[in-house]
Amino acid sequence: MTRDEMLKIMAVLKATYPNFYKDMTRRDAEGVVALWTDMFSEDSYNAVAAAVKAFIASDSKGFPPVVGQVKQRVTELASTKALPGNVSRGSEKEAAWMRRYINVDGLGRISRYAREHGITWDEAKAVLHG
C-alpha cells in the first residue's frame, strides 16, 4: 500500500470520526500516516479499504480503529473469501453442490470438510449449510 492510498483511507476515517481528528496537528497526522503506511505496506489498498469500511459499519463506540483492529478485519475478510464454496458469494450451482455434499453422508461430511480445509467443525457446518 502506498502513502497516497493510505491518505485516502485516512480521509475516510477523518470524515467518519471528525471529533477525534479535529485537534490533530499536521506533524501528528504525518506521523500517523507514516505508521499506518508502514504497517499495511504488504496489504492491498482494496483489502484495507474493505476492512476499514467493515469496521465503520459495525462500530457502535464512535472511536476510530487502531492498526490492530484493521489488521484483524483484513485477516477476517481474507479468510472469509478464501473458504471454498462460500455460498454468500458463490453461484447457485455451488450452493446446489454444497447441499448435495452435506446430504450424502450427513454430519460426517462436515468433519471431513473441516479437516480438508483446516477450519473448525462449526465453521465447516456454517459453510456447508449456507
Protein backbone atom coordinates (compact mmCIF):
# COMPACT_ATOMS: atom_id res chain seq x y z
CA MET A 1 0.00 0.00 0.00
CA THR A 2 1.32 3.42 -0.90
CA ARG A 3 1.27 6.65 1.07
CA ASP A 4 -1.28 8.17 -1.32
CA GLU A 5 -3.59 5.19 -0.85
CA MET A 6 -3.23 5.48 2.91
CA LEU A 7 -4.14 9.17 2.69
CA LYS A 8 -7.41 8.12 1.05
CA ILE A 9 -8.14 5.73 3.90
CA MET A 10 -7.24 8.35 6.49
CA ALA A 11 -9.58 10.81 4.76
CA VAL A 12 -12.42 8.30 5.21
CA LEU A 13 -11.56 7.89 8.88
CA LYS A 14 -11.35 11.65 9.36
CA ALA A 15 -14.73 12.15 7.70
CA THR A 16 -16.28 9.39 9.80
CA TYR A 17 -14.71 10.43 13.12
CA PRO A 18 -14.22 14.22 12.79
CA ASN A 19 -14.10 14.92 16.53
CA PHE A 20 -11.21 12.52 17.03
CA TYR A 21 -9.03 14.20 14.41
CA LYS A 22 -10.08 17.86 14.85
CA ASP A 23 -7.19 18.85 17.16
CA MET A 24 -4.51 16.77 15.43
CA THR A 25 -1.52 18.78 14.23
CA ARG A 26 -0.08 18.33 10.75
CA ARG A 27 3.04 16.76 12.26
CA ASP A 28 0.94 14.25 14.21
CA ALA A 29 -1.11 13.44 11.12
CA GLU A 30 2.04 12.83 9.08
CA GLY A 31 3.31 10.50 11.78
CA VAL A 32 0.04 8.55 11.80
CA VAL A 33 0.06 8.25 8.00
CA ALA A 34 3.69 7.08 8.03
CA LEU A 35 2.98 4.48 10.71
CA TRP A 36 -0.14 3.14 9.02
CA THR A 37 1.58 3.08 5.62
CA ASP A 38 4.40 1.04 7.12
CA MET A 39 2.07 -1.32 8.99
CA PHE A 40 -0.02 -2.01 5.88
CA SER A 41 2.81 -1.99 3.32
CA GLU A 42 2.20 -5.67 2.50
CA ASP A 43 -1.59 -5.30 2.20
CA SER A 44 -3.53 -4.14 -0.83
CA TYR A 45 -5.46 -0.89 -0.81
CA ASN A 46 -8.69 -2.75 -1.56
CA ALA A 47 -8.22 -5.12 1.37
CA VAL A 48 -7.51 -2.33 3.86
CA ALA A 49 -10.30 -0.12 2.49
CA ALA A 50 -12.77 -3.01 2.83
CA ALA A 51 -11.58 -3.69 6.38
CA VAL A 52 -11.99 -0.04 7.37
CA LYS A 53 -15.43 0.04 5.78
CA ALA A 54 -16.43 -3.11 7.67
CA PHE A 55 -15.15 -1.62 10.92
CA ILE A 56 -17.10 1.59 10.40
CA ALA A 57 -20.26 -0.32 9.52
CA SER A 58 -20.15 -2.28 12.76
CA ASP A 59 -18.76 0.42 15.07
CA SER A 60 -21.02 1.31 17.96
CA LYS A 61 -18.50 3.10 20.18
CA GLY A 62 -17.71 6.11 18.00
CA PHE A 63 -13.93 5.79 18.01
CA PRO A 64 -11.68 5.19 15.00
CA PRO A 65 -9.90 1.84 14.74
CA VAL A 66 -6.32 1.21 15.74
CA VAL A 67 -3.93 -0.64 13.43
CA GLY A 68 -4.55 -4.00 15.10
CA GLN A 69 -8.30 -3.78 14.65
CA VAL A 70 -7.96 -3.08 10.93
CA LYS A 71 -5.33 -5.83 10.55
CA GLN A 72 -7.73 -8.25 12.22
CA ARG A 73 -10.52 -7.24 9.83
CA VAL A 74 -8.21 -7.65 6.83
CA THR A 75 -7.43 -11.19 8.01
CA GLU A 76 -11.09 -12.00 8.70
CA LEU A 77 -12.22 -10.74 5.31
CA ALA A 78 -9.44 -12.63 3.53
CA SER A 79 -10.26 -15.88 5.31
CA THR A 80 -13.96 -15.48 4.54
CA LYS A 81 -13.19 -15.07 0.85
CA ALA A 82 -10.77 -17.99 0.92
CA LEU A 83 -13.30 -20.54 2.19
CA PRO A 84 -14.21 -22.80 -0.71
CA GLY A 85 -17.86 -22.92 -1.60
CA ASN A 86 -18.75 -19.74 0.26
CA VAL A 87 -22.35 -19.62 -0.90
CA SER A 88 -22.83 -15.98 0.02
CA ARG A 89 -20.56 -15.02 -2.87
CA GLY A 90 -20.91 -18.14 -4.99
CA SER A 91 -23.27 -19.19 -7.69
CA GLU A 92 -26.46 -21.20 -7.34
CA LYS A 93 -24.58 -24.12 -8.88
CA GLU A 94 -22.08 -24.00 -5.99
CA ALA A 95 -24.94 -23.84 -3.48
CA ALA A 96 -26.53 -26.92 -5.03
CA TRP A 97 -23.20 -28.76 -4.96
CA MET A 98 -22.73 -27.90 -1.28
CA ARG A 99 -26.23 -29.15 -0.41
CA ARG A 100 -25.51 -32.47 -2.15
CA TYR A 101 -22.11 -32.70 -0.46
CA ILE A 102 -23.53 -32.36 3.03
CA ASN A 103 -26.53 -34.60 2.43
CA VAL A 104 -24.57 -37.60 1.15
CA ASP A 105 -23.15 -38.71 4.49
CA GLY A 106 -24.73 -36.20 6.87
CA LEU A 107 -22.67 -34.94 9.77
CA GLY A 108 -19.59 -36.95 8.84
CA ARG A 109 -19.18 -34.78 5.79
CA ILE A 110 -18.90 -31.69 7.98
CA SER A 111 -15.99 -33.23 9.88
CA ARG A 112 -14.28 -34.28 6.68
CA TYR A 113 -14.78 -30.86 5.12
CA ALA A 114 -13.39 -29.19 8.27
CA ARG A 115 -10.28 -31.38 8.21
CA GLU A 116 -9.72 -30.88 4.49
CA HIS A 117 -9.92 -27.12 4.76
CA GLY A 118 -8.28 -26.59 8.14
CA ILE A 119 -11.28 -24.98 9.79
CA THR A 120 -13.37 -25.75 12.84
CA TRP A 121 -16.39 -28.03 12.72
CA ASP A 122 -18.73 -25.07 13.37
CA GLU A 123 -17.15 -23.05 10.55
CA ALA A 124 -17.48 -26.02 8.19
CA LYS A 125 -21.11 -26.50 9.21
CA ALA A 126 -21.82 -22.82 8.53
CA VAL A 127 -20.17 -23.02 5.10
CA LEU A 128 -21.93 -26.22 4.13
CA HIS A 129 -25.33 -25.13 5.37
CA GLY A 130 -25.08 -21.68 3.82
